[in-house]
C-alpha atoms as a PDB file:
ATOM      1  CA  MET A   1     127.154 106.178 136.157  1.00  0.00           C
ATOM      2  CA  GLN A   2     123.868 104.499 135.212  1.00  0.00           C
ATOM      3  CA  PRO A   3     124.738 101.618 132.808  1.00  0.00           C
ATOM      4  CA  ILE A   4     121.218 101.336 131.391  1.00  0.00           C
ATOM      5  CA  ILE A   5     121.427 105.043 130.497  1.00  0.00           C
ATOM      6  CA  TYR A   6     125.033 105.224 129.314  1.00  0.00           C
ATOM      7  CA  GLN A   7     124.636 102.227 127.015  1.00  0.00           C
ATOM      8  CA  ASN A   8     121.484 103.556 125.365  1.00  0.00           C
ATOM      9  CA  ILE A   9     122.149 107.247 124.638  1.00  0.00           C
ATOM     10  CA  ILE A  10     121.635 107.744 120.899  1.00  0.00           C
ATOM     11  CA  TYR A  11     121.628 111.552 120.678  1.00  0.00           C
ATOM     12  CA  GLU A  12     122.678 114.502 122.822  1.00  0.00           C
ATOM     13  CA  ASP A  13     123.150 118.236 122.390  1.00  0.00           C
ATOM     14  CA  GLN A  14     122.946 121.271 124.679  1.00  0.00           C
ATOM     15  CA  HIS A  15     119.164 121.107 124.985  1.00  0.00           C
ATOM     16  CA  LEU A  16     118.081 117.540 124.188  1.00  0.00           C
ATOM     17  CA  ILE A  17     119.068 113.960 124.862  1.00  0.00           C
ATOM     18  CA  ALA A  18     117.530 110.773 123.453  1.00  0.00           C
ATOM     19  CA  LEU A  19     117.638 107.167 124.582  1.00  0.00           C
ATOM     20  CA  ASN A  20     117.013 103.890 122.835  1.00  0.00           C
ATOM     21  CA  LYS A  21     114.554 102.864 125.525  1.00  0.00           C
ATOM     22  CA  PRO A  22     114.727  99.217 126.560  1.00  0.00           C
ATOM     23  CA  ALA A  23     111.376  97.493 126.920  1.00  0.00           C
ATOM     24  CA  ASN A  24     109.860  97.206 130.397  1.00  0.00           C
ATOM     25  CA  TYR A  25     111.245 100.480 131.728  1.00  0.00           C
ATOM     26  CA  LEU A  26     108.883 103.202 132.916  1.00  0.00           C
ATOM     27  CA  VAL A  27     109.417 106.693 131.549  1.00  0.00           C
ATOM     28  CA  GLU A  28     108.083 108.478 134.645  1.00  0.00           C
ATOM     29  CA  LYS A  29     107.251 107.299 138.161  1.00  0.00           C
ATOM     30  CA  VAL A  30     103.834 105.790 138.791  1.00  0.00           C
ATOM     31  CA  SER A  31     104.651 103.894 141.991  1.00  0.00           C
ATOM     32  CA  ASN A  32     107.485 103.308 144.433  1.00  0.00           C
ATOM     33  CA  ASP A  33     108.301  99.925 142.922  1.00  0.00           C
ATOM     34  CA  ASP A  34     110.437 101.119 140.000  1.00  0.00           C
ATOM     35  CA  VAL A  35     112.971 103.858 139.363  1.00  0.00           C
ATOM     36  CA  PRO A  36     111.816 105.501 136.107  1.00  0.00           C
ATOM     37  CA  LEU A  37     114.061 106.517 133.237  1.00  0.00           C
ATOM     38  CA  ASP A  38     113.674 110.259 133.833  1.00  0.00           C
ATOM     39  CA  GLU A  39     115.175 109.848 137.325  1.00  0.00           C
ATOM     40  CA  LEU A  40     117.981 107.588 136.094  1.00  0.00           C
ATOM     41  CA  LEU A  41     118.808 109.998 133.277  1.00  0.00           C
ATOM     42  CA  SER A  42     118.716 113.016 135.599  1.00  0.00           C
ATOM     43  CA  GLN A  43     121.194 111.295 137.898  1.00  0.00           C
ATOM     44  CA  HIS A  44     123.419 110.364 134.960  1.00  0.00           C
ATOM     45  CA  LEU A  45     123.478 113.965 133.699  1.00  0.00           C
ATOM     46  CA  SER A  46     124.132 115.343 137.176  1.00  0.00           C
ATOM     47  CA  ASP A  47     127.050 112.944 137.620  1.00  0.00           C
ATOM     48  CA  THR A  48     128.430 113.602 134.146  1.00  0.00           C
ATOM     49  CA  TYR A  49     128.327 117.396 134.349  1.00  0.00           C
ATOM     50  CA  ALA A  50     129.018 117.632 138.105  1.00  0.00           C
ATOM     51  CA  ARG A  51     125.998 119.832 138.764  1.00  0.00           C
ATOM     52  CA  PRO A  52     122.296 119.200 139.426  1.00  0.00           C
ATOM     53  CA  MET A  53     120.445 118.545 136.174  1.00  0.00           C
ATOM     54  CA  ARG A  54     116.931 117.384 135.381  1.00  0.00           C
ATOM     55  CA  ALA A  55     115.855 115.406 132.334  1.00  0.00           C
ATOM     56  CA  GLN A  56     112.206 115.857 131.361  1.00  0.00           C
ATOM     57  CA  ALA A  57     110.435 113.499 128.950  1.00  0.00           C
ATOM     58  CA  VAL A  58     108.814 115.331 126.043  1.00  0.00           C
ATOM     59  CA  HIS A  59     106.711 112.332 124.958  1.00  0.00           C
ATOM     60  CA  ARG A  60     105.939 108.809 126.194  1.00  0.00           C
ATOM     61  CA  LEU A  61     106.446 105.201 125.237  1.00  0.00           C
ATOM     62  CA  ASP A  62     104.416 102.454 126.898  1.00  0.00           C
ATOM     63  CA  ARG A  63     106.335 100.335 129.381  1.00  0.00           C
ATOM     64  CA  PRO A  64     106.550  97.232 127.116  1.00  0.00           C
ATOM     65  CA  VAL A  65     107.591  99.296 124.063  1.00  0.00           C
ATOM     66  CA  SER A  66     111.205  99.975 123.069  1.00  0.00           C
ATOM     67  CA  GLY A  67     112.842 102.642 120.939  1.00  0.00           C
ATOM     68  CA  ALA A  68     113.610 106.321 120.451  1.00  0.00           C
ATOM     69  CA  LEU A  69     112.615 108.401 123.475  1.00  0.00           C
ATOM     70  CA  MET A  70     113.387 112.119 123.702  1.00  0.00           C
ATOM     71  CA  PHE A  71     114.133 114.110 126.859  1.00  0.00           C
ATOM     72  CA  ALA A  72     114.843 117.806 127.342  1.00  0.00           C
ATOM     73  CA  LYS A  73     117.839 119.061 129.336  1.00  0.00           C
ATOM     74  CA  THR A  74     116.678 122.686 129.328  1.00  0.00           C
ATOM     75  CA  GLU A  75     113.338 124.459 129.632  1.00  0.00           C
ATOM     76  CA  GLU A  76     113.867 125.968 126.188  1.00  0.00           C
ATOM     77  CA  GLY A  77     114.358 122.516 124.714  1.00  0.00           C
ATOM     78  CA  LEU A  78     111.313 121.153 126.552  1.00  0.00           C
ATOM     79  CA  GLN A  79     108.948 123.871 125.375  1.00  0.00           C
ATOM     80  CA  GLY A  80     110.277 123.695 121.827  1.00  0.00           C
ATOM     81  CA  MET A  81     109.818 119.925 121.555  1.00  0.00           C
ATOM     82  CA  GLN A  82     106.392 120.056 123.166  1.00  0.00           C
ATOM     83  CA  ARG A  83     105.299 122.550 120.501  1.00  0.00           C
ATOM     84  CA  LEU A  84     106.545 120.242 117.752  1.00  0.00           C
ATOM     85  CA  PHE A  85     104.598 117.301 119.185  1.00  0.00           C
ATOM     86  CA  LYS A  86     101.494 119.407 119.780  1.00  0.00           C
ATOM     87  CA  TYR A  87     101.385 120.685 116.204  1.00  0.00           C
ATOM     88  CA  ARG A  88     102.395 117.314 114.697  1.00  0.00           C
ATOM     89  CA  LYS A  89     105.687 118.568 113.319  1.00  0.00           C
ATOM     90  CA  ILE A  90     107.507 115.344 114.168  1.00  0.00           C
ATOM     91  CA  ARG A  91     107.511 112.341 111.858  1.00  0.00           C
ATOM     92  CA  LYS A  92     107.351 109.222 114.018  1.00  0.00           C
ATOM     93  CA  THR A  93     108.254 105.820 112.588  1.00  0.00           C
ATOM     94  CA  TYR A  94     107.489 102.596 114.434  1.00  0.00           C
ATOM     95  CA  TRP A  95     108.085  98.969 113.555  1.00  0.00           C
ATOM     96  CA  ALA A  96     105.640  96.330 114.722  1.00  0.00           C
ATOM     97  CA  VAL A  97     105.885  92.555 114.376  1.00  0.00           C
ATOM     98  CA  VAL A  98     102.638  90.627 113.913  1.00  0.00           C
ATOM     99  CA  ARG A  99     101.680  87.054 113.081  1.00  0.00           C
ATOM    100  CA  GLN A 100      98.673  87.811 110.876  1.00  0.00           C
ATOM    101  CA  ALA A 101      99.453  89.821 107.768  1.00  0.00           C
ATOM    102  CA  PRO A 102      97.125  92.793 107.137  1.00  0.00           C
ATOM    103  CA  ALA A 103      94.574  92.456 104.347  1.00  0.00           C
ATOM    104  CA  LYS A 104      96.071  95.483 102.586  1.00  0.00           C
ATOM    105  CA  GLU A 105      99.802  95.986 102.209  1.00  0.00           C
ATOM    106  CA  LYS A 106      99.413  99.733 102.698  1.00  0.00           C
ATOM    107  CA  ASP A 107      96.590 101.788 104.181  1.00  0.00           C
ATOM    108  CA  LYS A 108      95.443 104.582 106.489  1.00  0.00           C
ATOM    109  CA  LEU A 109      93.546 103.682 109.660  1.00  0.00           C
ATOM    110  CA  VAL A 110      91.114 106.163 111.224  1.00  0.00           C
ATOM    111  CA  HIS A 111      89.310 105.295 114.459  1.00  0.00           C
ATOM    112  CA  TRP A 112      87.966 106.869 117.620  1.00  0.00           C
ATOM    113  CA  LEU A 113      89.457 105.677 120.902  1.00  0.00           C
ATOM    114  CA  THR A 114      88.117 105.752 124.440  1.00  0.00           C
ATOM    115  CA  ARG A 115      90.254 104.936 127.454  1.00  0.00           C
ATOM    116  CA  ASN A 116      89.528 103.098 130.691  1.00  0.00           C
ATOM    117  CA  ARG A 117      92.093 104.603 133.034  1.00  0.00           C
ATOM    118  CA  GLU A 118      91.455 102.138 135.848  1.00  0.00           C
ATOM    119  CA  GLU A 119      92.191  99.148 133.640  1.00  0.00           C
ATOM    120  CA  ASN A 120      94.663 101.087 131.433  1.00  0.00           C
ATOM    121  CA  ILE A 121      93.068  99.894 128.212  1.00  0.00           C
ATOM    122  CA  SER A 122      91.792 101.664 125.112  1.00  0.00           C
ATOM    123  CA  THR A 123      88.743 100.691 123.061  1.00  0.00           C
ATOM    124  CA  VAL A 124      88.487 101.336 119.335  1.00  0.00           C
ATOM    125  CA  TYR A 125      85.398 102.511 117.426  1.00  0.00           C
ATOM    126  CA  ASN A 126      84.873 102.945 113.704  1.00  0.00           C
ATOM    127  CA  GLU A 127      82.660 106.015 114.133  1.00  0.00           C
ATOM    128  CA  PRO A 128      82.751 109.112 116.371  1.00  0.00           C
ATOM    129  CA  CYS A 129      81.537 108.277 119.865  1.00  0.00           C
ATOM    130  CA  ARG A 130      81.109 109.890 123.247  1.00  0.00           C
ATOM    131  CA  ASP A 131      84.492 110.775 124.765  1.00  0.00           C
ATOM    132  CA  GLY A 132      86.203 109.224 121.746  1.00  0.00           C
ATOM    133  CA  LEU A 133      89.398 110.803 120.420  1.00  0.00           C
ATOM    134  CA  ARG A 134      90.216 110.592 116.729  1.00  0.00           C
ATOM    135  CA  ALA A 135      93.222 108.359 116.031  1.00  0.00           C
ATOM    136  CA  GLU A 136      95.006 108.222 112.678  1.00  0.00           C
ATOM    137  CA  LEU A 137      97.985 106.285 111.375  1.00  0.00           C
ATOM    138  CA  ASP A 138      99.464 105.151 108.080  1.00  0.00           C
ATOM    139  CA  TYR A 139     101.113 101.771 107.703  1.00  0.00           C
ATOM    140  CA  GLN A 140     102.863  99.591 105.165  1.00  0.00           C
ATOM    141  CA  LEU A 141     103.846  95.930 105.214  1.00  0.00           C
ATOM    142  CA  LEU A 142     107.607  95.580 104.808  1.00  0.00           C
ATOM    143  CA  GLY A 143     108.020  91.825 104.663  1.00  0.00           C
ATOM    144  CA  GLU A 144     107.711  88.404 106.276  1.00  0.00           C
ATOM    145  CA  VAL A 145     110.229  86.052 107.878  1.00  0.00           C
ATOM    146  CA  ASP A 146     109.369  82.629 109.339  1.00  0.00           C
ATOM    147  CA  GLY A 147     105.701  83.485 109.736  1.00  0.00           C
ATOM    148  CA  TYR A 148     106.347  86.881 111.360  1.00  0.00           C
ATOM    149  CA  HIS A 149     105.260  90.011 109.456  1.00  0.00           C
ATOM    150  CA  LEU A 150     106.959  93.402 109.828  1.00  0.00           C
ATOM    151  CA  ILE A 151     104.742  96.475 109.609  1.00  0.00           C
ATOM    152  CA  GLU A 152     106.062 100.032 109.434  1.00  0.00           C
ATOM    153  CA  VAL A 153     103.715 102.479 111.142  1.00  0.00           C
ATOM    154  CA  PHE A 154     103.530 106.269 110.911  1.00  0.00           C
ATOM    155  CA  PRO A 155     101.194 107.553 113.662  1.00  0.00           C
ATOM    156  CA  ILE A 156      99.673 110.927 112.881  1.00  0.00           C
ATOM    157  CA  THR A 157      97.989 111.390 116.247  1.00  0.00           C
ATOM    158  CA  GLY A 158      99.426 110.299 119.581  1.00  0.00           C
ATOM    159  CA  ARG A 159      96.691 108.521 121.539  1.00  0.00           C
ATOM    160  CA  THR A 160      97.259 106.100 124.405  1.00  0.00           C
ATOM    161  CA  HIS A 161      97.968 102.596 123.051  1.00  0.00           C
ATOM    162  CA  GLN A 162      97.010 103.870 119.599  1.00  0.00           C
ATOM    163  CA  ILE A 163      99.215 101.649 117.434  1.00  0.00           C
ATOM    164  CA  ARG A 164      98.522  98.605 119.580  1.00  0.00           C
ATOM    165  CA  VAL A 165      94.737  98.866 119.483  1.00  0.00           C
ATOM    166  CA  GLN A 166      94.450 100.045 115.872  1.00  0.00           C
ATOM    167  CA  LEU A 167      96.563  97.178 114.507  1.00  0.00           C
ATOM    168  CA  ALA A 168      94.611  94.739 116.684  1.00  0.00           C
ATOM    169  CA  SER A 169      91.351  96.138 115.287  1.00  0.00           C
ATOM    170  CA  MET A 170      92.266  94.890 111.803  1.00  0.00           C
ATOM    171  CA  GLY A 171      93.141  91.431 113.074  1.00  0.00           C
ATOM    172  CA  CYS A 172      96.870  92.049 113.521  1.00  0.00           C
ATOM    173  CA  PRO A 173      97.651  92.196 117.257  1.00  0.00           C
ATOM    174  CA  ILE A 174     101.313  92.852 117.968  1.00  0.00           C
ATOM    175  CA  VAL A 175     103.331  89.808 119.011  1.00  0.00           C
ATOM    176  CA  GLY A 176     103.265  89.543 122.802  1.00  0.00           C
ATOM    177  CA  ASP A 177     100.519  92.119 123.273  1.00  0.00           C
ATOM    178  CA  TYR A 178      98.137  89.978 125.307  1.00  0.00           C
ATOM    179  CA  LYS A 179      96.177  93.057 126.366  1.00  0.00           C
ATOM    180  CA  TYR A 180      94.989  93.567 122.802  1.00  0.00           C
ATOM    181  CA  GLY A 181      94.351  90.036 121.688  1.00  0.00           C
ATOM    182  CA  PHE A 182      97.619  88.304 120.861  1.00  0.00           C
ATOM    183  CA  PRO A 183      97.252  84.646 121.925  1.00  0.00           C
ATOM    184  CA  ARG A 184      99.164  83.738 125.062  1.00  0.00           C
ATOM    185  CA  GLU A 185     102.151  81.539 124.246  1.00  0.00           C
ATOM    186  CA  GLY A 186     104.285  81.657 127.382  1.00  0.00           C
ATOM    187  CA  SER A 187     105.946  84.639 128.990  1.00  0.00           C
ATOM    188  CA  ARG A 188     107.450  87.441 126.896  1.00  0.00           C
ATOM    189  CA  PRO A 189     109.478  90.324 128.334  1.00  0.00           C
ATOM    190  CA  SER A 190     107.954  92.850 125.941  1.00  0.00           C
ATOM    191  CA  ILE A 191     105.693  93.394 122.983  1.00  0.00           C
ATOM    192  CA  LEU A 192     107.295  93.625 119.559  1.00  0.00           C
ATOM    193  CA  LEU A 193     106.654  97.325 118.988  1.00  0.00           C
ATOM    194  CA  HIS A 194     109.673  99.589 118.512  1.00  0.00           C
ATOM    195  CA  ALA A 195     109.910 103.367 118.025  1.00  0.00           C
ATOM    196  CA  LYS A 196     112.455 103.314 115.196  1.00  0.00           C
ATOM    197  CA  GLU A 197     112.865 106.982 114.272  1.00  0.00           C
ATOM    198  CA  LEU A 198     111.961 110.561 115.100  1.00  0.00           C
ATOM    199  CA  THR A 199     112.502 113.228 112.435  1.00  0.00           C
ATOM    200  CA  PHE A 200     111.977 116.946 113.077  1.00  0.00           C
ATOM    201  CA  ASP A 201     113.380 120.428 112.643  1.00  0.00           C
ATOM    202  CA  HIS A 202     115.392 121.080 115.799  1.00  0.00           C
ATOM    203  CA  PRO A 203     113.423 123.563 117.963  1.00  0.00           C
ATOM    204  CA  ILE A 204     116.507 125.665 118.748  1.00  0.00           C
ATOM    205  CA  HIS A 205     118.797 125.704 115.694  1.00  0.00           C
ATOM    206  CA  GLN A 206     116.135 124.590 113.143  1.00  0.00           C
ATOM    207  CA  GLU A 207     118.319 121.945 111.478  1.00  0.00           C
ATOM    208  CA  LYS A 208     116.625 118.767 110.261  1.00  0.00           C
ATOM    209  CA  THR A 209     117.312 116.102 112.875  1.00  0.00           C
ATOM    210  CA  THR A 210     116.700 112.358 112.717  1.00  0.00           C
ATOM    211  CA  ILE A 211     117.013 110.160 115.796  1.00  0.00           C
ATOM    212  CA  LYS A 212     117.412 106.461 114.993  1.00  0.00           C
ATOM    213  CA  ALA A 213     117.031 103.635 117.503  1.00  0.00           C
ATOM    214  CA  GLY A 214     118.559 100.266 116.642  1.00  0.00           C
ATOM    215  CA  LEU A 215     116.410  97.173 117.008  1.00  0.00           C
ATOM    216  CA  PRO A 216     116.389  95.189 120.259  1.00  0.00           C
ATOM    217  CA  VAL A 217     118.570  92.076 120.147  1.00  0.00           C
ATOM    218  CA  TYR A 218     115.995  89.582 121.343  1.00  0.00           C
ATOM    219  CA  HIS A 219     113.109  87.497 120.036  1.00  0.00           C
ATOM    220  CA  ALA A 220     111.722  87.972 116.537  1.00  0.00           C
ATOM    221  CA  TRP A 221     113.547  91.299 116.104  1.00  0.00           C
ATOM    222  CA  ARG A 222     116.665  89.374 115.140  1.00  0.00           C
ATOM    223  CA  LYS A 223     114.824  88.076 112.096  1.00  0.00           C
ATOM    224  CA  PHE A 224     114.414  91.614 110.773  1.00  0.00           C
ATOM    225  CA  GLU A 225     117.897  93.034 111.360  1.00  0.00           C
ATOM    226  CA  SER A 226     118.613  92.864 107.623  1.00  0.00           C
ATOM    227  CA  PHE A 227     115.486  94.993 106.977  1.00  0.00           C
ATOM    228  CA  TYR A 228     116.812  97.617 109.403  1.00  0.00           C
ATOM    229  CA  GLN A 229     120.236  97.651 107.750  1.00  0.00           C
ATOM    230  CA  ARG A 230     118.701  98.061 104.290  1.00  0.00           C
ATOM    231  CA  THR A 231     116.486 100.959 105.329  1.00  0.00           C
ATOM    232  CA  SER A 232     119.419 102.654 107.061  1.00  0.00           C
ATOM    233  CA  LEU A 233     121.565 102.370 103.935  1.00  0.00           C
ATOM    234  CA  ALA A 234     118.717 103.677 101.770  1.00  0.00           C
ATOM    235  CA  MET A 235     118.464 106.822 103.908  1.00  0.00           C
ATOM    236  CA  ALA A 236     122.233 107.411 104.079  1.00  0.00           C
END
């Protein structure tokens, strides 16, 4: 049994399984230094069902980001979820904690992003540019506690580091995100960006499905637990 997997399963059916991803775990292998979540989950499933099984990630979360992460247990589930992501049939909800409140409480951000793969960093532009990919998101400010501001984000596109760089572009870098301009203030184990929910029509049985990931229990997230509870009750 893989404790980090067992403790964080938030949804499972015949075709799909979702985790509340802890920050600082890789989704897929990029080096020999870490065992990624897809390998840990595959081993967990193989042990649980006493037969070889493979979990395949259908989308990605950056290493320092936490929250709802979907895997497929079958090829049918994988292809179905990939189609939903490709055609933007999944409503993604993220929560981000920032120090600087946005100028507008609610807005749409549209930019063009380029990516430096060697440095693993994205650059934001206000106009179309060479090799730039259009990035769109909607956001709304939910509240403030002790100088920390909670922003709810609904990404429309799914570009690398999109939420991180777009929020930073309006003067609101995510707490702990030193790569995109948050001031260094000692070591932090993660950035305060959390994939809170995924909502979609299930690719196999077509029922509306919502996957919810509870907030991490560390740092400024604790300040916003009451916000999470209120939104959960409102949707019940």
